[in-house]
N, C-alpha and C. Protein backbone atom coordinates (compact mmCIF):
# COMPACT_ATOMS: atom_id res chain seq x y z
N MET A 1 -21.55 -18.51 -14.17
CA MET A 1 -22.08 -17.49 -13.77
C MET A 1 -20.98 -17.25 -13.37
N SER A 2 -20.17 -15.77 -13.13
CA SER A 2 -19.16 -15.29 -12.05
C SER A 2 -19.47 -14.35 -11.42
N THR A 3 -18.48 -14.63 -9.66
CA THR A 3 -18.95 -13.79 -9.04
C THR A 3 -18.08 -12.92 -8.47
N THR A 4 -18.65 -11.53 -8.17
CA THR A 4 -17.72 -10.45 -8.23
C THR A 4 -17.33 -10.49 -6.61
N LEU A 5 -15.67 -10.50 -6.28
CA LEU A 5 -15.47 -10.07 -4.94
C LEU A 5 -14.66 -8.68 -4.94
N ASN A 6 -15.07 -7.80 -3.94
CA ASN A 6 -14.60 -6.62 -3.96
C ASN A 6 -13.81 -6.61 -2.68
N LEU A 7 -12.69 -6.35 -2.77
CA LEU A 7 -11.65 -6.52 -2.06
C LEU A 7 -10.85 -5.11 -1.98
N HIS A 8 -11.09 -4.08 -0.49
CA HIS A 8 -10.57 -2.98 0.03
C HIS A 8 -9.18 -3.03 0.40
N VAL A 9 -8.25 -2.64 0.10
CA VAL A 9 -6.61 -2.67 1.03
C VAL A 9 -6.41 -1.15 1.07
N GLY A 10 -6.54 -1.08 2.48
CA GLY A 10 -5.97 0.25 2.91
C GLY A 10 -4.13 0.12 3.34
N PHE A 11 -3.81 0.65 2.94
CA PHE A 11 -1.95 1.36 2.93
C PHE A 11 -1.70 2.29 3.22
N ASP A 12 -0.35 2.38 3.44
CA ASP A 12 0.08 3.87 2.75
C ASP A 12 1.60 2.94 3.00
N PHE A 13 2.22 4.41 1.89
CA PHE A 13 3.56 3.63 0.96
C PHE A 13 4.84 3.56 1.94
N ILE A 14 5.28 4.38 3.13
CA ILE A 14 5.76 4.15 4.06
C ILE A 14 5.89 2.82 4.90
N CYS A 15 4.37 2.23 4.78
CA CYS A 15 4.42 1.01 5.97
C CYS A 15 5.02 0.15 5.29
N PRO A 16 6.02 -0.84 5.84
CA PRO A 16 7.25 -1.92 5.37
C PRO A 16 6.04 -3.21 5.39
N TRP A 17 4.70 -2.93 6.82
CA TRP A 17 3.76 -4.06 6.64
C TRP A 17 3.14 -4.09 5.44
N CYS A 18 2.71 -3.15 4.95
CA CYS A 18 2.15 -3.04 3.80
C CYS A 18 2.57 -3.63 2.47
N LEU A 19 3.88 -3.43 2.10
CA LEU A 19 4.34 -3.95 1.13
C LEU A 19 4.56 -5.55 1.86
N ILE A 20 4.65 -5.48 2.74
CA ILE A 20 4.98 -7.77 2.88
C ILE A 20 3.71 -8.27 2.94
N GLY A 21 1.91 -7.04 3.02
CA GLY A 21 0.97 -7.92 3.01
C GLY A 21 0.38 -7.80 1.55
N LYS A 22 1.24 -6.56 1.23
CA LYS A 22 0.68 -6.55 -0.60
C LYS A 22 1.29 -7.89 -1.21
N ARG A 23 2.43 -8.85 -0.88
CA ARG A 23 3.13 -9.81 -1.33
C ARG A 23 1.87 -10.94 -1.18
N HIS A 24 1.76 -11.17 0.33
CA HIS A 24 0.90 -12.02 0.82
C HIS A 24 -0.86 -12.10 0.02
N LEU A 25 -1.04 -10.74 -0.34
CA LEU A 25 -2.37 -10.77 -0.53
C LEU A 25 -1.74 -11.50 -2.27
N GLN A 26 -0.96 -10.88 -2.79
CA GLN A 26 -0.92 -11.53 -3.91
C GLN A 26 -0.63 -13.13 -4.17
N ASP A 27 -0.32 -13.77 -3.29
CA ASP A 27 0.04 -15.38 -3.24
C ASP A 27 -1.87 -15.87 -2.92
N ALA A 28 -1.96 -15.16 -2.39
CA ALA A 28 -3.90 -15.42 -1.73
C ALA A 28 -4.28 -15.35 -3.44
N LEU A 29 -4.58 -13.99 -3.61
CA LEU A 29 -5.13 -13.82 -5.24
C LEU A 29 -4.79 -15.26 -5.83
N ALA A 30 -3.74 -15.43 -6.07
CA ALA A 30 -2.97 -16.36 -7.20
C ALA A 30 -4.05 -17.62 -6.55
N GLN A 31 -3.97 -18.45 -5.58
CA GLN A 31 -4.21 -18.94 -4.90
C GLN A 31 -5.70 -19.67 -5.17
N LEU A 32 -6.59 -18.27 -4.57
CA LEU A 32 -7.92 -17.67 -5.43
C LEU A 32 -8.44 -18.64 -6.54
N ARG A 33 -7.23 -17.98 -7.81
CA ARG A 33 -8.08 -17.92 -9.17
C ARG A 33 -7.50 -19.21 -9.31
N ALA A 34 -6.50 -20.00 -9.08
CA ALA A 34 -6.71 -21.48 -9.31
C ALA A 34 -7.47 -21.99 -8.88
N GLU A 35 -8.40 -22.09 -7.96
CA GLU A 35 -9.63 -22.75 -7.07
C GLU A 35 -10.84 -22.17 -7.75
N ARG A 36 -10.89 -20.90 -7.92
CA ARG A 36 -12.08 -20.05 -8.29
C ARG A 36 -11.89 -19.26 -9.69
N PRO A 37 -11.70 -19.84 -11.00
CA PRO A 37 -10.86 -18.84 -11.86
C PRO A 37 -12.32 -17.94 -12.30
N GLU A 38 -13.53 -18.64 -11.93
CA GLU A 38 -14.61 -17.53 -12.75
C GLU A 38 -14.89 -16.40 -11.88
N VAL A 39 -13.78 -16.30 -10.70
CA VAL A 39 -14.54 -15.23 -9.70
C VAL A 39 -13.70 -14.08 -10.58
N GLU A 40 -14.05 -13.13 -10.52
CA GLU A 40 -13.78 -11.94 -10.96
C GLU A 40 -13.57 -10.61 -9.51
N VAL A 41 -12.08 -10.50 -9.38
CA VAL A 41 -11.44 -9.77 -8.08
C VAL A 41 -11.82 -8.26 -8.51
N GLN A 42 -12.41 -7.70 -7.62
CA GLN A 42 -12.24 -5.78 -7.98
C GLN A 42 -11.50 -5.58 -7.01
N LEU A 43 -10.57 -4.79 -7.09
CA LEU A 43 -9.35 -4.46 -5.88
C LEU A 43 -9.06 -3.31 -6.42
N HIS A 44 -9.19 -2.57 -5.02
CA HIS A 44 -8.83 -1.12 -4.51
C HIS A 44 -8.14 -0.99 -3.31
N TRP A 45 -7.22 0.20 -3.98
CA TRP A 45 -6.44 0.52 -3.25
C TRP A 45 -6.97 1.76 -1.96
N LEU A 46 -6.90 1.67 -0.63
CA LEU A 46 -7.31 3.01 0.03
C LEU A 46 -6.11 3.68 0.51
N GLY A 47 -5.78 4.37 0.07
CA GLY A 47 -4.89 5.54 0.73
C GLY A 47 -4.68 5.97 2.39
N VAL A 48 -4.29 5.53 3.29
CA VAL A 48 -4.09 6.35 4.40
C VAL A 48 -2.69 6.91 4.72
N GLN A 49 -3.19 7.79 5.41
CA GLN A 49 -1.39 9.19 5.57
C GLN A 49 -1.45 8.84 6.72
N LEU A 50 -0.21 7.66 7.31
CA LEU A 50 -0.09 7.82 8.35
C LEU A 50 0.21 9.10 9.46
N LEU A 51 1.29 9.98 8.44
CA LEU A 51 1.97 11.12 9.08
C LEU A 51 1.96 12.31 8.29
N PRO A 52 0.77 13.17 8.84
CA PRO A 52 -0.14 13.84 7.55
C PRO A 52 0.79 15.29 8.41
N THR A 53 1.86 15.37 9.19
CA THR A 53 2.28 16.33 9.57
C THR A 53 3.76 16.20 8.69
N VAL A 54 4.26 15.24 8.16
CA VAL A 54 5.43 15.13 7.57
C VAL A 54 5.87 16.82 6.55
N PRO A 55 6.82 17.47 6.70
CA PRO A 55 6.86 18.70 5.71
C PRO A 55 7.05 17.90 4.16
N SER A 56 7.23 19.19 3.22
CA SER A 56 8.01 18.74 2.19
C SER A 56 8.90 18.20 1.83
N GLN A 57 9.89 18.62 2.98
CA GLN A 57 11.27 18.29 2.71
C GLN A 57 11.38 16.73 3.49
N GLY A 58 10.06 16.34 4.11
CA GLY A 58 10.50 14.97 4.51
C GLY A 58 11.28 15.18 6.48
N TRP A 59 11.48 14.16 6.68
CA TRP A 59 12.28 14.14 8.56
C TRP A 59 13.39 13.34 7.85
N PRO A 60 14.83 13.42 8.71
CA PRO A 60 15.31 12.27 8.53
C PRO A 60 15.13 11.02 9.19
N PHE A 61 15.27 9.94 8.31
CA PHE A 61 14.38 8.49 8.25
C PHE A 61 15.12 8.15 10.12
N GLU A 62 16.28 7.87 9.96
CA GLU A 62 16.63 6.97 11.24
C GLU A 62 16.31 7.80 12.78
N ALA A 63 16.54 9.41 12.41
CA ALA A 63 16.18 10.10 14.08
C ALA A 63 14.86 9.92 13.78
N PHE A 64 14.43 10.14 13.08
CA PHE A 64 12.52 9.94 13.07
C PHE A 64 12.07 9.04 14.29
N TYR A 65 13.05 7.53 13.36
CA TYR A 65 12.57 6.22 14.26
C TYR A 65 13.25 6.30 15.40
N ARG A 66 14.46 7.09 15.64
CA ARG A 66 15.14 6.32 16.79
C ARG A 66 14.18 7.34 18.39
N GLN A 67 13.64 8.86 18.00
CA GLN A 67 12.35 9.09 18.54
C GLN A 67 11.54 8.42 19.20
N ARG A 68 10.67 7.86 17.74
CA ARG A 68 9.81 7.07 17.55
C ARG A 68 9.45 5.96 18.63
N LEU A 69 10.93 5.06 18.39
CA LEU A 69 10.62 3.89 19.25
C LEU A 69 11.28 4.13 20.61
N GLY A 70 11.96 5.24 21.06
CA GLY A 70 13.14 5.79 22.23
C GLY A 70 14.03 4.86 22.06
N GLY A 71 14.84 5.03 21.10
CA GLY A 71 16.82 4.85 21.10
C GLY A 71 17.01 3.95 20.03
N GLU A 72 18.42 3.97 19.93
CA GLU A 72 19.09 3.12 18.62
C GLU A 72 18.67 1.58 18.53
N ALA A 73 18.85 1.32 20.06
CA ALA A 73 18.62 -0.43 20.06
C ALA A 73 17.22 -1.02 19.90
N ALA A 74 16.09 -0.06 19.97
CA ALA A 74 14.88 -0.55 19.20
C ALA A 74 14.23 -0.60 18.67
N MET A 75 15.15 0.79 17.46
CA MET A 75 14.79 0.64 16.08
C MET A 75 15.57 -0.37 15.51
N ARG A 76 16.63 -0.84 15.74
CA ARG A 76 17.20 -1.88 15.13
C ARG A 76 16.62 -3.56 15.20
N GLN A 77 16.05 -3.04 16.45
CA GLN A 77 15.48 -4.57 17.07
C GLN A 77 14.05 -4.60 16.37
N ARG A 78 13.14 -3.30 16.25
CA ARG A 78 11.96 -3.49 15.16
C ARG A 78 12.83 -3.73 13.60
N GLN A 79 14.00 -3.00 13.04
CA GLN A 79 13.91 -3.24 11.61
C GLN A 79 14.33 -5.00 11.77
N ALA A 80 15.00 -5.32 12.43
CA ALA A 80 15.27 -7.05 12.39
C ALA A 80 14.12 -7.34 12.06
N MET A 81 13.15 -6.93 13.05
CA MET A 81 11.73 -8.14 12.74
C MET A 81 11.36 -7.76 11.65
N VAL A 82 11.03 -6.61 11.19
CA VAL A 82 10.47 -6.70 10.11
C VAL A 82 11.36 -6.55 9.05
N GLN A 83 12.80 -7.20 8.94
CA GLN A 83 13.83 -7.78 8.05
C GLN A 83 13.29 -9.02 7.86
N ARG A 84 12.57 -9.78 9.13
CA ARG A 84 13.01 -11.36 8.62
C ARG A 84 11.29 -11.27 8.13
N ALA A 85 10.35 -10.35 8.38
CA ALA A 85 9.01 -11.12 7.98
C ALA A 85 9.34 -10.97 6.18
N ALA A 86 9.86 -10.03 6.11
CA ALA A 86 10.05 -9.23 4.82
C ALA A 86 10.50 -10.54 4.12
N ASP A 87 11.86 -11.10 4.78
CA ASP A 87 12.15 -12.08 3.71
C ASP A 87 11.81 -13.34 3.70
N ALA A 88 10.75 -13.33 4.73
CA ALA A 88 10.12 -14.88 4.56
C ALA A 88 9.06 -14.33 3.54
N ALA A 89 8.64 -13.16 3.16
CA ALA A 89 7.73 -13.27 1.98
C ALA A 89 8.52 -12.59 0.63
N GLY A 90 9.73 -12.92 0.48
CA GLY A 90 10.19 -12.49 -0.95
C GLY A 90 10.40 -10.97 -0.85
N VAL A 91 10.54 -10.15 0.00
CA VAL A 91 10.38 -8.93 0.32
C VAL A 91 11.79 -8.15 0.39
N ARG A 92 12.09 -7.48 -0.61
CA ARG A 92 13.50 -6.91 -0.57
C ARG A 92 13.49 -5.32 0.45
N ILE A 93 13.62 -4.95 1.53
CA ILE A 93 14.22 -4.00 2.56
C ILE A 93 15.50 -3.48 2.50
N ASP A 94 15.43 -2.69 2.24
CA ASP A 94 17.14 -2.08 2.36
C ASP A 94 17.04 -0.67 3.07
N TYR A 95 17.19 -0.83 4.63
CA TYR A 95 17.23 0.52 5.56
C TYR A 95 17.91 1.04 5.37
N GLY A 96 19.31 0.82 4.51
CA GLY A 96 20.82 1.82 4.24
C GLY A 96 20.30 2.40 3.31
N ALA A 97 19.52 2.57 2.58
CA ALA A 97 19.19 2.83 1.65
C ALA A 97 18.60 4.28 1.58
N ILE A 98 17.37 4.34 2.89
CA ILE A 98 16.52 5.13 2.95
C ILE A 98 16.82 6.36 4.11
N GLY A 99 17.22 7.99 3.20
CA GLY A 99 17.33 8.69 3.94
C GLY A 99 16.58 9.87 4.37
N VAL A 100 15.01 9.43 3.81
CA VAL A 100 14.17 10.36 4.04
C VAL A 100 12.88 9.53 4.72
N MET A 101 12.45 10.22 5.70
CA MET A 101 10.75 9.87 5.76
C MET A 101 9.87 10.88 5.44
N PRO A 102 9.38 10.29 3.91
CA PRO A 102 8.77 11.49 3.10
C PRO A 102 7.43 11.45 3.41
N SER A 103 6.79 12.63 2.85
CA SER A 103 5.58 13.19 3.30
C SER A 103 4.64 12.10 2.10
N THR A 104 3.51 11.27 2.47
CA THR A 104 3.21 10.61 1.53
C THR A 104 2.04 11.11 0.59
N ALA A 105 1.38 12.33 1.08
CA ALA A 105 0.22 13.14 0.57
C ALA A 105 -0.09 13.14 -1.05
N ASP A 106 0.59 13.30 -2.24
CA ASP A 106 1.13 13.53 -3.36
C ASP A 106 1.09 11.97 -3.50
N ALA A 107 1.80 10.97 -3.25
CA ALA A 107 2.12 9.81 -3.66
C ALA A 107 0.75 9.03 -3.64
N HIS A 108 -0.22 8.98 -2.40
CA HIS A 108 -1.27 8.62 -2.43
C HIS A 108 -2.47 9.65 -3.45
N ARG A 109 -2.42 11.11 -3.83
CA ARG A 109 -3.07 11.90 -4.73
C ARG A 109 -2.94 11.18 -5.87
N LEU A 110 -1.62 10.37 -6.48
CA LEU A 110 -1.36 10.26 -7.82
C LEU A 110 -2.28 8.91 -8.26
N LEU A 111 -1.97 8.18 -7.10
CA LEU A 111 -2.40 6.79 -7.21
C LEU A 111 -4.17 6.92 -7.03
N ALA A 112 -4.71 7.46 -6.60
CA ALA A 112 -6.20 7.69 -6.48
C ALA A 112 -6.48 8.40 -7.73
N TRP A 113 -6.15 9.32 -8.29
CA TRP A 113 -5.73 9.25 -9.82
C TRP A 113 -6.04 8.56 -10.68
N ALA A 114 -4.56 7.94 -10.68
CA ALA A 114 -4.51 6.72 -11.80
C ALA A 114 -5.99 5.49 -11.45
N GLY A 115 -6.15 5.25 -10.19
CA GLY A 115 -7.60 4.62 -10.23
C GLY A 115 -8.53 5.02 -10.78
N LEU A 116 -8.69 6.42 -11.01
CA LEU A 116 -9.90 6.62 -11.90
C LEU A 116 -9.81 7.08 -13.19
N HIS A 117 -8.26 7.83 -13.25
CA HIS A 117 -8.14 7.48 -15.16
C HIS A 117 -7.04 6.30 -15.78
N ALA A 118 -6.84 6.03 -15.06
CA ALA A 118 -5.95 4.73 -15.87
C ALA A 118 -6.28 3.17 -15.81
N SER A 119 -5.57 2.63 -16.61
CA SER A 119 -6.26 0.81 -16.25
C SER A 119 -5.43 0.33 -15.12
N ALA A 120 -6.48 -0.19 -14.35
CA ALA A 120 -5.48 -1.05 -13.73
C ALA A 120 -4.56 -1.27 -13.49
N ALA A 121 -4.07 -2.07 -14.72
CA ALA A 121 -2.39 -2.70 -14.83
C ALA A 121 -1.41 -1.20 -14.57
N GLN A 122 -1.78 0.01 -15.25
CA GLN A 122 -1.06 1.34 -15.07
C GLN A 122 -1.40 1.37 -13.16
N ARG A 123 -2.16 1.43 -12.86
CA ARG A 123 -2.72 1.85 -11.22
C ARG A 123 -1.57 0.93 -10.58
N ASP A 124 -1.81 -0.33 -10.89
CA ASP A 124 -0.66 -1.87 -9.98
C ASP A 124 1.12 -1.10 -10.45
N ASP A 125 1.34 -1.25 -11.75
CA ASP A 125 2.19 -0.63 -12.03
C ASP A 125 2.65 0.36 -11.07
N LEU A 126 2.41 1.61 -11.01
CA LEU A 126 2.69 2.58 -10.25
C LEU A 126 2.63 2.59 -8.53
N LEU A 127 1.71 1.99 -8.33
CA LEU A 127 1.68 1.21 -6.72
C LEU A 127 3.18 0.33 -6.49
N GLU A 128 3.29 -0.29 -7.25
CA GLU A 128 4.70 -1.19 -7.17
C GLU A 128 5.95 -0.37 -7.37
N ARG A 129 5.86 0.59 -8.26
CA ARG A 129 6.79 1.21 -8.61
C ARG A 129 7.65 1.91 -7.61
N LEU A 130 6.47 2.55 -6.89
CA LEU A 130 6.28 3.64 -5.32
C LEU A 130 7.02 2.63 -4.88
N LEU A 131 6.29 1.57 -4.25
CA LEU A 131 6.99 0.88 -2.72
C LEU A 131 8.08 0.09 -3.21
N ARG A 132 8.50 0.50 -4.50
CA ARG A 132 9.73 -1.12 -4.78
C ARG A 132 11.23 0.75 -4.47
N ALA A 133 10.50 1.56 -5.07
CA ALA A 133 11.36 2.97 -5.10
C ALA A 133 11.79 3.42 -3.79
N TYR A 134 10.99 2.88 -2.68
CA TYR A 134 11.15 4.16 -1.78
C TYR A 134 11.78 2.51 -0.49
N PHE A 135 11.42 1.49 -0.98
CA PHE A 135 12.16 0.07 0.15
C PHE A 135 13.26 -0.25 -0.33
N GLU A 136 13.44 -0.40 -1.19
CA GLU A 136 14.26 -0.65 -2.03
C GLU A 136 15.48 0.19 -2.53
N GLU A 137 15.15 1.14 -3.13
CA GLU A 137 16.14 1.94 -4.01
C GLU A 137 16.52 3.60 -2.46
N GLY A 138 15.41 3.67 -1.44
CA GLY A 138 15.30 4.94 -0.51
C GLY A 138 15.24 6.46 -1.54
N ASP A 139 14.45 6.33 -2.59
CA ASP A 139 13.78 7.17 -2.97
C ASP A 139 13.18 8.11 -2.03
N ASP A 140 13.43 9.85 -2.35
CA ASP A 140 12.28 10.73 -1.80
C ASP A 140 10.83 10.61 -2.51
N ILE A 141 10.14 9.46 -2.32
CA ILE A 141 8.72 9.94 -2.80
C ILE A 141 8.08 10.79 -2.27
N GLY A 142 7.66 11.96 -1.64
CA GLY A 142 7.36 12.92 -1.68
C GLY A 142 7.64 14.29 -2.27
N ASN A 143 8.69 14.21 -3.24
CA ASN A 143 9.65 14.71 -4.12
C ASN A 143 8.63 14.76 -4.84
N ALA A 144 8.21 15.90 -6.44
CA ALA A 144 7.44 15.95 -7.06
C ALA A 144 8.09 15.37 -8.04
N VAL A 145 9.42 15.45 -8.72
CA VAL A 145 10.35 15.14 -9.59
C VAL A 145 10.43 13.65 -9.59
N VAL A 146 10.49 12.97 -8.20
CA VAL A 146 10.30 11.43 -8.28
C VAL A 146 9.29 11.09 -8.52
N LEU A 147 8.07 11.63 -7.94
CA LEU A 147 6.59 11.07 -8.70
C LEU A 147 6.43 11.29 -9.76
N LEU A 148 6.61 12.22 -10.34
CA LEU A 148 6.12 12.15 -11.86
C LEU A 148 7.10 11.13 -12.72
N ALA A 149 8.39 11.15 -12.45
CA ALA A 149 9.47 10.43 -13.10
C ALA A 149 8.74 8.62 -13.01
N HIS A 150 8.64 8.54 -11.72
CA HIS A 150 7.62 7.18 -11.27
C HIS A 150 6.25 6.73 -12.36
N GLY A 151 5.60 8.42 -12.33
CA GLY A 151 4.49 7.94 -13.06
C GLY A 151 4.38 7.76 -14.53
N GLU A 152 5.85 8.58 -15.20
CA GLU A 152 5.53 8.60 -16.50
C GLU A 152 6.17 7.04 -16.72
N ALA A 153 7.08 6.62 -16.65
CA ALA A 153 7.13 5.03 -16.24
C ALA A 153 6.28 4.01 -16.40
N ALA A 154 5.30 4.61 -15.55
CA ALA A 154 4.22 3.47 -15.78
C ALA A 154 3.07 3.92 -16.92
N GLY A 155 3.67 4.58 -17.39
CA GLY A 155 2.63 4.86 -18.70
C GLY A 155 1.92 6.25 -18.36
N LEU A 156 1.87 6.78 -17.63
CA LEU A 156 0.72 8.03 -17.33
C LEU A 156 0.84 9.22 -17.76
N ASP A 157 0.19 9.76 -18.09
CA ASP A 157 0.37 11.11 -18.84
C ASP A 157 1.25 12.34 -17.80
N ARG A 158 2.13 13.01 -17.50
CA ARG A 158 2.76 13.91 -17.13
C ARG A 158 2.08 15.38 -16.34
N ALA A 159 1.39 15.24 -17.43
CA ALA A 159 0.77 16.68 -17.40
C ALA A 159 -0.75 16.87 -16.57
N ALA A 160 -0.98 15.50 -16.92
CA ALA A 160 -2.16 15.56 -15.95
C ALA A 160 -1.86 15.24 -13.77
N MET A 161 -0.71 14.11 -14.02
CA MET A 161 -0.45 13.98 -13.13
C MET A 161 0.09 15.43 -12.46
N GLN A 162 0.85 16.03 -12.93
CA GLN A 162 1.28 17.31 -12.09
C GLN A 162 -0.02 18.07 -11.58
N ALA A 163 -0.91 18.10 -12.69
CA ALA A 163 -2.28 18.40 -11.83
C ALA A 163 -2.97 18.62 -10.61
N GLU A 164 -2.61 16.86 -9.85
CA GLU A 164 -3.19 16.35 -9.07
C GLU A 164 -1.87 16.88 -7.74
N LEU A 165 -0.69 17.39 -8.09
CA LEU A 165 -0.08 17.28 -6.64
C LEU A 165 -0.34 18.94 -6.21
N ARG A 166 -0.46 18.79 -4.92
CA ARG A 166 -0.77 19.51 -3.81
C ARG A 166 0.38 19.97 -2.90
N GLY A 167 0.95 19.15 -2.61
CA GLY A 167 2.24 19.68 -1.71
C GLY A 167 1.67 18.92 -0.78
N ALA A 168 3.17 18.50 0.46
CA ALA A 168 2.92 18.14 1.52
C ALA A 168 2.12 19.06 2.76
N GLU A 169 1.63 20.29 2.03
CA GLU A 169 0.71 20.93 3.10
C GLU A 169 -0.42 21.03 3.18
N THR A 170 -0.78 20.08 2.00
CA THR A 170 -2.24 19.52 1.74
C THR A 170 -2.41 18.18 1.96
N PRO A 171 -2.37 17.54 3.34
CA PRO A 171 -2.69 16.32 3.79
C PRO A 171 -3.57 15.71 2.89
N TYR A 172 -3.31 14.47 2.82
CA TYR A 172 -4.56 13.30 1.76
C TYR A 172 -5.60 12.68 3.06
N ARG A 173 -6.72 12.61 2.36
CA ARG A 173 -7.81 12.23 3.11
C ARG A 173 -8.64 11.26 1.72
N SER A 174 -8.69 10.19 2.06
CA SER A 174 -9.82 9.47 1.36
C SER A 174 -10.99 9.43 1.97
N ALA A 175 -12.01 9.68 1.26
CA ALA A 175 -13.24 9.76 1.56
C ALA A 175 -13.94 7.99 1.37
N ASP A 176 -12.81 7.17 1.12
CA ASP A 176 -13.58 5.71 1.08
C ASP A 176 -13.10 4.80 2.38
N VAL A 177 -12.30 5.72 2.92
CA VAL A 177 -11.53 5.54 4.04
C VAL A 177 -12.72 5.84 5.63
N ARG A 178 -13.28 4.57 6.19
CA ARG A 178 -14.44 4.95 7.17
C ARG A 178 -13.49 5.43 8.03
N ALA A 179 -14.27 5.72 9.48
CA ALA A 179 -13.62 5.56 10.62
C ALA A 179 -13.55 3.91 11.56
N GLY A 180 -12.35 3.98 11.87
CA GLY A 180 -12.09 2.56 12.20
C GLY A 180 -11.06 1.84 11.57
N MET A 181 -10.63 2.32 10.33
CA MET A 181 -9.56 2.18 9.51
C MET A 181 -8.95 2.98 9.54
N SER A 182 -8.18 2.82 10.38
CA SER A 182 -7.26 3.98 10.73
C SER A 182 -5.50 3.15 10.50
N GLY A 183 -5.59 1.73 10.80
CA GLY A 183 -4.56 0.87 11.16
C GLY A 183 -4.33 0.11 10.07
N VAL A 184 -3.25 0.18 9.28
CA VAL A 184 -2.88 -0.25 7.81
C VAL A 184 -1.74 -1.39 7.99
N PRO A 185 -1.52 -2.44 7.75
CA PRO A 185 -2.50 -2.76 6.10
C PRO A 185 -4.15 -3.18 6.77
N PHE A 186 -5.46 -2.79 5.93
CA PHE A 186 -6.30 -3.54 6.60
C PHE A 186 -6.90 -4.03 5.11
N PHE A 187 -8.19 -5.22 5.32
CA PHE A 187 -8.36 -5.47 3.99
C PHE A 187 -9.97 -5.77 4.29
N SER A 188 -10.86 -5.25 3.46
CA SER A 188 -12.21 -4.92 3.46
C SER A 188 -12.99 -5.86 2.18
N ILE A 189 -13.85 -6.52 2.63
CA ILE A 189 -14.14 -7.70 1.75
C ILE A 189 -15.82 -7.82 1.51
N ASN A 190 -15.86 -7.13 0.18
CA ASN A 190 -17.28 -7.27 0.11
C ASN A 190 -18.30 -6.33 0.98
N GLY A 191 -17.60 -5.17 1.42
CA GLY A 191 -17.89 -3.96 2.38
C GLY A 191 -17.72 -4.43 3.99
N ARG A 192 -17.02 -5.59 3.89
CA ARG A 192 -16.93 -5.55 5.47
C ARG A 192 -15.42 -5.88 6.06
N LEU A 193 -15.22 -4.70 7.13
CA LEU A 193 -13.64 -4.85 7.59
C LEU A 193 -12.81 -5.98 8.16
N THR A 194 -12.49 -6.70 7.29
CA THR A 194 -12.29 -8.43 7.45
C THR A 194 -10.81 -8.66 8.48
N LEU A 195 -9.89 -8.07 7.54
CA LEU A 195 -8.62 -8.33 8.31
C LEU A 195 -7.89 -7.25 8.76
N THR A 196 -7.05 -7.44 9.75
CA THR A 196 -6.13 -6.00 9.63
C THR A 196 -4.08 -6.50 10.19
N GLY A 197 -3.69 -6.13 9.65
CA GLY A 197 -2.10 -6.31 9.72
C GLY A 197 -1.88 -6.98 8.45
N ALA A 198 -0.30 -7.46 8.33
CA ALA A 198 0.08 -8.27 7.25
C ALA A 198 -0.16 -9.91 7.27
N GLN A 199 -1.27 -9.57 7.09
CA GLN A 199 -1.73 -11.76 7.49
C GLN A 199 -1.36 -12.27 6.34
N ALA A 200 -0.91 -13.58 6.89
CA ALA A 200 -0.70 -14.34 5.68
C ALA A 200 -1.37 -14.95 4.95
N PRO A 201 -0.97 -15.55 3.57
CA PRO A 201 -1.65 -15.76 2.48
C PRO A 201 -2.25 -16.79 2.75
N ALA A 202 -2.54 -17.69 3.81
CA ALA A 202 -3.39 -18.62 4.02
C ALA A 202 -5.08 -18.15 4.91
N ALA A 203 -4.82 -17.10 5.69
CA ALA A 203 -5.45 -16.29 6.54
C ALA A 203 -6.43 -15.47 5.49
N LEU A 204 -6.01 -14.87 4.61
CA LEU A 204 -6.42 -13.97 3.28
C LEU A 204 -6.79 -14.99 2.57
N LEU A 205 -6.52 -16.05 2.29
CA LEU A 205 -7.14 -16.77 1.36
C LEU A 205 -8.72 -17.33 2.20
N ALA A 206 -8.24 -17.52 3.36
CA ALA A 206 -9.57 -18.04 4.20
C ALA A 206 -10.99 -16.95 4.20
N ALA A 207 -10.67 -15.95 4.60
CA ALA A 207 -11.56 -14.84 4.39
C ALA A 207 -11.84 -14.45 3.29
N MET A 208 -11.44 -14.55 2.02
CA MET A 208 -12.11 -15.05 0.71
C MET A 208 -13.25 -15.85 0.49
N ARG A 209 -12.10 -17.07 0.58
CA ARG A 209 -13.26 -18.13 0.60
C ARG A 209 -14.48 -18.10 1.44
N ASP A 210 -14.49 -17.36 2.81
CA ASP A 210 -15.59 -17.40 3.63
C ASP A 210 -16.37 -16.10 2.93
N ALA A 211 -16.48 -15.28 2.31
CA ALA A 211 -16.84 -14.25 1.79
C ALA A 211 -17.49 -14.79 0.29
N LEU A 212 -16.75 -15.43 -0.56
CA LEU A 212 -17.75 -16.30 -1.66
C LEU A 212 -19.07 -16.98 -1.66
N ALA A 213 -18.31 -17.59 0.11
CA ALA A 213 -18.99 -18.46 0.66
C ALA A 213 -20.60 -17.90 0.97
N ASP A 214 -20.54 -17.10 1.58
CA ASP A 214 -21.75 -16.05 1.75
C ASP A 214 -22.27 -15.41 0.72
N ALA A 215 -21.40 -14.86 -0.03
CA ALA A 215 -22.07 -14.97 -1.53
C ALA A 215 -22.92 -15.74 -2.44
N ASP A 216 -22.21 -16.99 -2.30
CA ASP A 216 -22.90 -18.12 -2.66
C ASP A 216 -23.88 -18.72 -2.30
N SER A 217 -24.55 -18.23 -0.88
CA SER A 217 -25.65 -18.50 -0.22
C SER A 217 -26.98 -18.14 -0.88
N PRO A 218 -28.06 -18.97 -0.96
CA PRO A 218 -29.10 -18.35 -1.19
C PRO A 218 -29.71 -17.02 0.07
N ALA A 219 -30.29 -16.04 -0.55
CA ALA A 219 -30.71 -14.93 0.42
C ALA A 219 -31.88 -16.03 1.59
C-alpha cells in the first residue's frame, strides 16, 4: 500500500537560498525514493513575493543590495557566503550577469497557473528554467517577453499564459501561504510547517522520515 507525502515549499525566484534549498530537496527526495519507493510525494510550490514594491522595470541589482546590506563590502561578503553554499550544492550563480532586481509577481502567477493547468513535469520545467535564467544568465524575469519565452520552452500555451500576466502593479499573494510563512525557503510536510531555510539534504530527509513514521503509526 502506498503512502502519500504532501510537501509544500515556499520560495521566491530572486532568493538564492531557495535555489540552493531546491537542490538539497532534490537530493533528499532521491534518497527517499531509494528507501521508500512506495511513497508518493505530492510536491507543491508556494510563491512568496519578497519584494512586492519592485516596479515593472525592476531595480538596479547591485545598487539595491549595497543599500540593503549597508555598502559594497557587506554586499560582496554576502555574495561570497552564498557562492560557497551554492558551490557545495552544485548550484551555479553568476552575480556578474545579474543587472536587474526584478518583480516576481508575474513569474509566480505563471507558475501557479502551470500548477493548475499543466503537467507536473511542465510546471517543474518552468520553475527550473526561470531560476536558472535569473541566477545563471541574468534574465529579467519580471519582463513579460522573457517569461513567455521560457514558458513556451517548457511547453506551455502562450495565449493562456499571457492572460495570467497582470504586471508588477499587482503584487502576487498565494492563498495557500499562511501567517508565519513569510521567510523562504520553508518546507511544510503533511500540513505542518517543519523546516525553514536552505536545509541540508540530511535534515530534509529526516523530516520526511518523521512525517512518514507519523503517517504509518496507528491512530
